[in-house]
C-alpha atoms as a PDB file:
ATOM      1  CA  MET A   1      18.487  -8.182  32.663  1.00  0.00           C
ATOM      2  CA  SER A   2      17.647 -11.767  33.528  1.00  0.00           C
ATOM      3  CA  GLU A   3      19.688 -14.726  32.350  1.00  0.00           C
ATOM      4  CA  ARG A   4      18.463 -18.158  31.348  1.00  0.00           C
ATOM      5  CA  ILE A   5      19.877 -21.339  32.795  1.00  0.00           C
ATOM      6  CA  ASP A   6      19.420 -24.472  30.702  1.00  0.00           C
ATOM      7  CA  ALA A   7      18.138 -26.980  33.262  1.00  0.00           C
ATOM      8  CA  GLY A   8      17.980 -29.942  30.892  1.00  0.00           C
ATOM      9  CA  SER A   9      15.294 -31.949  29.189  1.00  0.00           C
ATOM     10  CA  VAL A  10      11.859 -32.540  30.691  1.00  0.00           C
ATOM     11  CA  ALA A  11      12.601 -36.263  30.249  1.00  0.00           C
ATOM     12  CA  ASP A  12      15.594 -35.952  32.631  1.00  0.00           C
ATOM     13  CA  TYR A  13      13.326 -35.229  35.615  1.00  0.00           C
ATOM     14  CA  GLU A  14      11.765 -37.768  37.940  1.00  0.00           C
ATOM     15  CA  ASN A  15       8.503 -36.810  39.609  1.00  0.00           C
ATOM     16  CA  GLU A  16       9.014 -35.306  43.092  1.00  0.00           C
ATOM     17  CA  VAL A  17      12.829 -35.635  42.971  1.00  0.00           C
ATOM     18  CA  GLY A  18      14.944 -32.479  43.159  1.00  0.00           C
ATOM     19  CA  LYS A  19      17.839 -31.531  40.862  1.00  0.00           C
ATOM     20  CA  ARG A  20      20.443 -28.918  41.775  1.00  0.00           C
ATOM     21  CA  PHE A  21      21.980 -26.272  39.493  1.00  0.00           C
ATOM     22  CA  GLU A  22      24.657 -23.642  40.141  1.00  0.00           C
ATOM     23  CA  GLN A  23      25.112 -20.786  37.693  1.00  0.00           C
ATOM     24  CA  PHE A  24      25.272 -16.970  37.619  1.00  0.00           C
ATOM     25  CA  GLY A  25      25.903 -16.954  41.373  1.00  0.00           C
ATOM     26  CA  HIS A  26      22.730 -18.900  42.169  1.00  0.00           C
ATOM     27  CA  ARG A  27      22.280 -22.338  43.727  1.00  0.00           C
ATOM     28  CA  ILE A  28      18.863 -23.565  42.587  1.00  0.00           C
ATOM     29  CA  ALA A  29      16.762 -26.653  43.318  1.00  0.00           C
ATOM     30  CA  VAL A  30      14.319 -27.687  40.575  1.00  0.00           C
ATOM     31  CA  PHE A  31      11.366 -29.989  41.175  1.00  0.00           C
ATOM     32  CA  LYS A  32       8.841 -31.639  38.851  1.00  0.00           C
ATOM     33  CA  ILE A  33       5.401 -32.322  40.301  1.00  0.00           C
ATOM     34  CA  GLY A  34       3.196 -33.939  37.679  1.00  0.00           C
ATOM     35  CA  ASP A  35       3.582 -31.705  34.610  1.00  0.00           C
ATOM     36  CA  THR A  36       4.580 -28.608  36.590  1.00  0.00           C
ATOM     37  CA  PHE A  37       8.111 -27.439  37.404  1.00  0.00           C
ATOM     38  CA  TYR A  38       9.189 -25.332  40.392  1.00  0.00           C
ATOM     39  CA  ALA A  39      12.522 -23.695  41.219  1.00  0.00           C
ATOM     40  CA  LEU A  40      13.698 -22.439  44.610  1.00  0.00           C
ATOM     41  CA  GLY A  41      16.965 -21.325  46.131  1.00  0.00           C
ATOM     42  CA  ASP A  42      18.716 -24.543  47.116  1.00  0.00           C
ATOM     43  CA  ARG A  43      19.809 -23.413  50.606  1.00  0.00           C
ATOM     44  CA  CYS A  44      17.434 -23.730  53.547  1.00  0.00           C
ATOM     45  CA  SER A  45      17.128 -20.286  55.168  1.00  0.00           C
ATOM     46  CA  HIS A  46      17.514 -21.863  58.613  1.00  0.00           C
ATOM     47  CA  ALA A  47      20.300 -24.435  58.289  1.00  0.00           C
ATOM     48  CA  GLU A  48      21.653 -23.966  54.728  1.00  0.00           C
ATOM     49  CA  ALA A  49      21.032 -27.629  53.858  1.00  0.00           C
ATOM     50  CA  SER A  50      20.385 -28.503  50.204  1.00  0.00           C
ATOM     51  CA  LEU A  51      16.655 -28.390  49.482  1.00  0.00           C
ATOM     52  CA  SER A  52      17.194 -30.446  46.310  1.00  0.00           C
ATOM     53  CA  GLU A  53      17.711 -33.389  48.690  1.00  0.00           C
ATOM     54  CA  GLY A  54      14.449 -32.743  50.536  1.00  0.00           C
ATOM     55  CA  GLU A  55      11.166 -34.624  50.347  1.00  0.00           C
ATOM     56  CA  ILE A  56       8.106 -33.208  48.600  1.00  0.00           C
ATOM     57  CA  TRP A  57       4.735 -33.173  50.343  1.00  0.00           C
ATOM     58  CA  ASP A  58       1.579 -31.097  49.989  1.00  0.00           C
ATOM     59  CA  GLY A  59       3.070 -28.463  47.660  1.00  0.00           C
ATOM     60  CA  ALA A  60       6.218 -27.955  49.734  1.00  0.00           C
ATOM     61  CA  VAL A  61       9.784 -29.211  49.989  1.00  0.00           C
ATOM     62  CA  GLU A  62      11.012 -30.298  53.401  1.00  0.00           C
ATOM     63  CA  CYS A  63      14.575 -29.484  54.450  1.00  0.00           C
ATOM     64  CA  PRO A  64      16.467 -32.736  55.098  1.00  0.00           C
ATOM     65  CA  ARG A  65      18.291 -31.290  58.112  1.00  0.00           C
ATOM     66  CA  HIS A  66      15.667 -29.931  60.557  1.00  0.00           C
ATOM     67  CA  GLY A  67      12.317 -30.378  58.795  1.00  0.00           C
ATOM     68  CA  SER A  68      11.621 -26.775  57.788  1.00  0.00           C
ATOM     69  CA  ALA A  69       9.325 -26.713  54.763  1.00  0.00           C
ATOM     70  CA  PHE A  70       9.040 -24.193  51.923  1.00  0.00           C
ATOM     71  CA  ASP A  71       6.138 -23.580  49.541  1.00  0.00           C
ATOM     72  CA  LEU A  72       7.212 -24.666  46.041  1.00  0.00           C
ATOM     73  CA  GLU A  73       5.522 -21.693  44.347  1.00  0.00           C
ATOM     74  CA  THR A  74       6.567 -18.849  46.638  1.00  0.00           C
ATOM     75  CA  GLY A  75       9.513 -20.064  48.713  1.00  0.00           C
ATOM     76  CA  GLN A  76       7.694 -19.009  51.896  1.00  0.00           C
ATOM     77  CA  PRO A  77       8.377 -21.160  54.955  1.00  0.00           C
ATOM     78  CA  ASN A  78       5.376 -23.100  56.232  1.00  0.00           C
ATOM     79  CA  ALA A  79       7.046 -25.166  58.965  1.00  0.00           C
ATOM     80  CA  LEU A  80       9.478 -24.175  61.696  1.00  0.00           C
ATOM     81  CA  PRO A  81      12.285 -23.722  62.484  1.00  0.00           C
ATOM     82  CA  ALA A  82      12.741 -21.605  59.304  1.00  0.00           C
ATOM     83  CA  THR A  83      11.122 -18.167  59.411  1.00  0.00           C
ATOM     84  CA  LYS A  84      12.660 -16.569  56.284  1.00  0.00           C
ATOM     85  CA  PRO A  85      11.693 -17.449  52.698  1.00  0.00           C
ATOM     86  CA  VAL A  86      14.041 -18.834  50.066  1.00  0.00           C
ATOM     87  CA  PRO A  87      14.116 -17.289  46.576  1.00  0.00           C
ATOM     88  CA  SER A  88      11.734 -18.616  43.947  1.00  0.00           C
ATOM     89  CA  TYR A  89      12.566 -18.552  40.244  1.00  0.00           C
ATOM     90  CA  ALA A  90      10.572 -18.524  37.018  1.00  0.00           C
ATOM     91  CA  VAL A  91      10.606 -21.817  35.114  1.00  0.00           C
ATOM     92  CA  ILE A  92      10.004 -21.940  31.365  1.00  0.00           C
ATOM     93  CA  VAL A  93       9.357 -25.176  29.493  1.00  0.00           C
ATOM     94  CA  GLU A  94       9.962 -24.888  25.734  1.00  0.00           C
ATOM     95  CA  ASP A  95      10.277 -27.616  23.144  1.00  0.00           C
ATOM     96  CA  GLY A  96      10.797 -30.299  25.781  1.00  0.00           C
ATOM     97  CA  ASN A  97      13.508 -28.365  27.640  1.00  0.00           C
ATOM     98  CA  VAL A  98      13.473 -26.697  31.063  1.00  0.00           C
ATOM     99  CA  TYR A  99      14.925 -23.199  31.568  1.00  0.00           C
ATOM    100  CA  LEU A 100      15.277 -21.063  34.689  1.00  0.00           C
ATOM    101  CA  GLU A 101      15.174 -17.259  34.645  1.00  0.00           C
ATOM    102  CA  VAL A 102      17.559 -15.634  37.129  1.00  0.00           C
ATOM    103  CA  GLU A 103      19.100 -12.241  37.788  1.00  0.00           C
ATOM    104  CA  PRO A 104      22.912 -12.379  37.527  1.00  0.00           C
ATOM    105  CA  ARG A 105      24.870 -11.641  40.713  1.00  0.00           C
ATOM    106  CA  GLU A 106      28.232 -12.266  42.301  1.00  0.00           C
ATOM    107  CA  GLU A 107      29.160 -15.867  43.084  1.00  0.00           C
ATOM    108  CA  GLU A 108      27.882 -17.101  46.452  1.00  0.00           C
ATOM    109  CA  GLU A 109      30.438 -18.208  49.015  1.00  0.00           C
END
Protein backbone atom coordinates (compact mmCIF):
# COMPACT_ATOMS: atom_id res chain seq x y z
CA MET A 1 0.00 0.00 0.00
CA SER A 2 1.37 3.40 -0.93
CA GLU A 3 2.19 6.08 1.62
CA ARG A 4 1.77 9.82 1.28
CA ILE A 5 4.56 12.26 1.99
CA ASP A 6 3.50 15.80 2.84
CA ALA A 7 5.78 17.89 0.61
CA GLY A 8 4.58 21.27 1.85
CA SER A 9 2.49 24.10 0.52
CA VAL A 10 2.33 25.01 -3.16
CA ALA A 11 3.38 28.52 -2.06
CA ASP A 12 6.67 27.10 -0.69
CA TYR A 13 7.91 26.21 -4.18
CA GLU A 14 9.87 28.43 -6.53
CA ASN A 15 9.47 27.80 -10.24
CA GLU A 16 12.19 25.50 -11.64
CA VAL A 17 13.96 25.08 -8.27
CA GLY A 18 14.18 21.60 -6.74
CA LYS A 19 13.32 20.63 -3.15
CA ARG A 20 14.54 17.41 -1.53
CA PHE A 21 12.57 15.08 0.77
CA GLU A 22 13.60 11.89 2.59
CA GLN A 23 10.93 9.61 4.02
CA PHE A 24 9.84 5.95 3.95
CA GLY A 25 13.27 4.99 2.61
CA HIS A 26 13.03 7.30 -0.40
CA ARG A 27 15.12 10.33 -1.34
CA ILE A 28 12.94 12.43 -3.64
CA ALA A 29 13.47 15.64 -5.62
CA VAL A 30 10.34 17.72 -6.29
CA PHE A 31 10.14 20.37 -9.00
CA LYS A 32 7.50 22.96 -9.91
CA ILE A 33 7.32 23.98 -13.56
CA GLY A 34 4.57 26.54 -14.05
CA ASP A 35 1.53 25.00 -12.32
CA THR A 36 2.75 21.41 -12.65
CA PHE A 37 4.73 19.41 -10.09
CA TYR A 38 7.13 16.53 -10.79
CA ALA A 39 8.89 14.12 -8.43
CA LEU A 40 11.91 11.94 -9.19
CA GLY A 41 14.38 9.89 -7.20
CA ASP A 42 16.95 12.40 -5.97
CA ARG A 43 20.05 10.34 -6.85
CA CYS A 44 21.50 10.47 -10.35
CA SER A 45 21.72 6.88 -11.65
CA HIS A 46 25.24 7.55 -12.94
CA ALA A 47 27.01 9.53 -10.20
CA GLU A 48 24.52 9.59 -7.28
CA ALA A 49 24.56 13.41 -7.15
CA SER A 50 21.45 15.17 -5.82
CA LEU A 51 19.08 15.96 -8.69
CA SER A 52 17.27 18.52 -6.50
CA GLU A 53 20.36 20.70 -7.06
CA GLY A 54 20.20 20.33 -10.84
CA GLU A 55 19.07 22.82 -13.46
CA ILE A 56 15.78 22.46 -15.32
CA TRP A 57 15.67 22.71 -19.10
CA ASP A 58 13.31 21.44 -21.78
CA GLY A 59 11.28 19.14 -19.50
CA ALA A 60 14.33 17.57 -17.85
CA VAL A 61 16.56 18.00 -14.82
CA GLU A 62 20.30 18.05 -15.40
CA CYS A 63 22.60 16.33 -12.90
CA PRO A 64 24.96 18.92 -11.38
CA ARG A 65 27.91 16.51 -11.40
CA HIS A 66 28.35 15.20 -14.98
CA GLY A 67 25.45 16.68 -16.96
CA SER A 68 23.24 13.60 -17.29
CA ALA A 69 19.62 14.66 -17.77
CA PHE A 70 16.39 12.93 -16.76
CA ASP A 71 12.87 13.45 -18.11
CA LEU A 72 10.75 15.04 -15.36
CA GLU A 73 7.69 12.91 -16.17
CA THR A 74 9.27 9.48 -16.59
CA GLY A 75 12.72 9.60 -15.01
CA GLN A 76 14.24 8.26 -18.24
CA PRO A 77 17.74 9.50 -19.04
CA ASN A 78 17.98 11.67 -22.15
CA ALA A 79 21.64 12.71 -21.94
CA LEU A 80 24.77 10.68 -21.27
CA PRO A 81 26.60 9.52 -19.27
CA ALA A 82 23.53 8.10 -17.42
CA THR A 83 21.88 5.12 -19.09
CA LYS A 84 19.51 3.97 -16.30
CA PRO A 85 16.31 5.80 -15.29
CA VAL A 86 15.60 7.23 -11.86
CA PRO A 87 12.26 6.51 -10.14
CA SER A 88 9.34 8.83 -10.80
CA TYR A 89 6.61 9.41 -8.23
CA ALA A 90 2.97 10.49 -8.34
CA VAL A 91 2.35 14.05 -7.15
CA ILE A 92 -1.04 15.11 -5.79
CA VAL A 93 -1.97 18.74 -5.20
CA GLU A 94 -4.92 19.17 -2.82
CA ASP A 95 -6.15 22.29 -1.07
CA GLY A 96 -2.93 24.17 -1.77
CA ASN A 97 -0.67 21.37 -0.48
CA VAL A 98 1.69 19.03 -2.33
CA TYR A 99 1.78 15.29 -1.56
CA LEU A 100 3.94 12.50 -2.95
CA GLU A 101 2.75 8.89 -3.27
CA VAL A 102 5.47 6.32 -2.55
CA GLU A 103 5.75 2.63 -1.77
CA PRO A 104 7.34 2.06 1.66
CA ARG A 105 10.70 0.26 1.71
CA GLU A 106 13.77 -0.16 3.86
CA GLU A 107 15.90 2.92 4.50
CA GLU A 108 18.48 3.62 1.79
CA GLU A 109 22.14 3.60 2.79
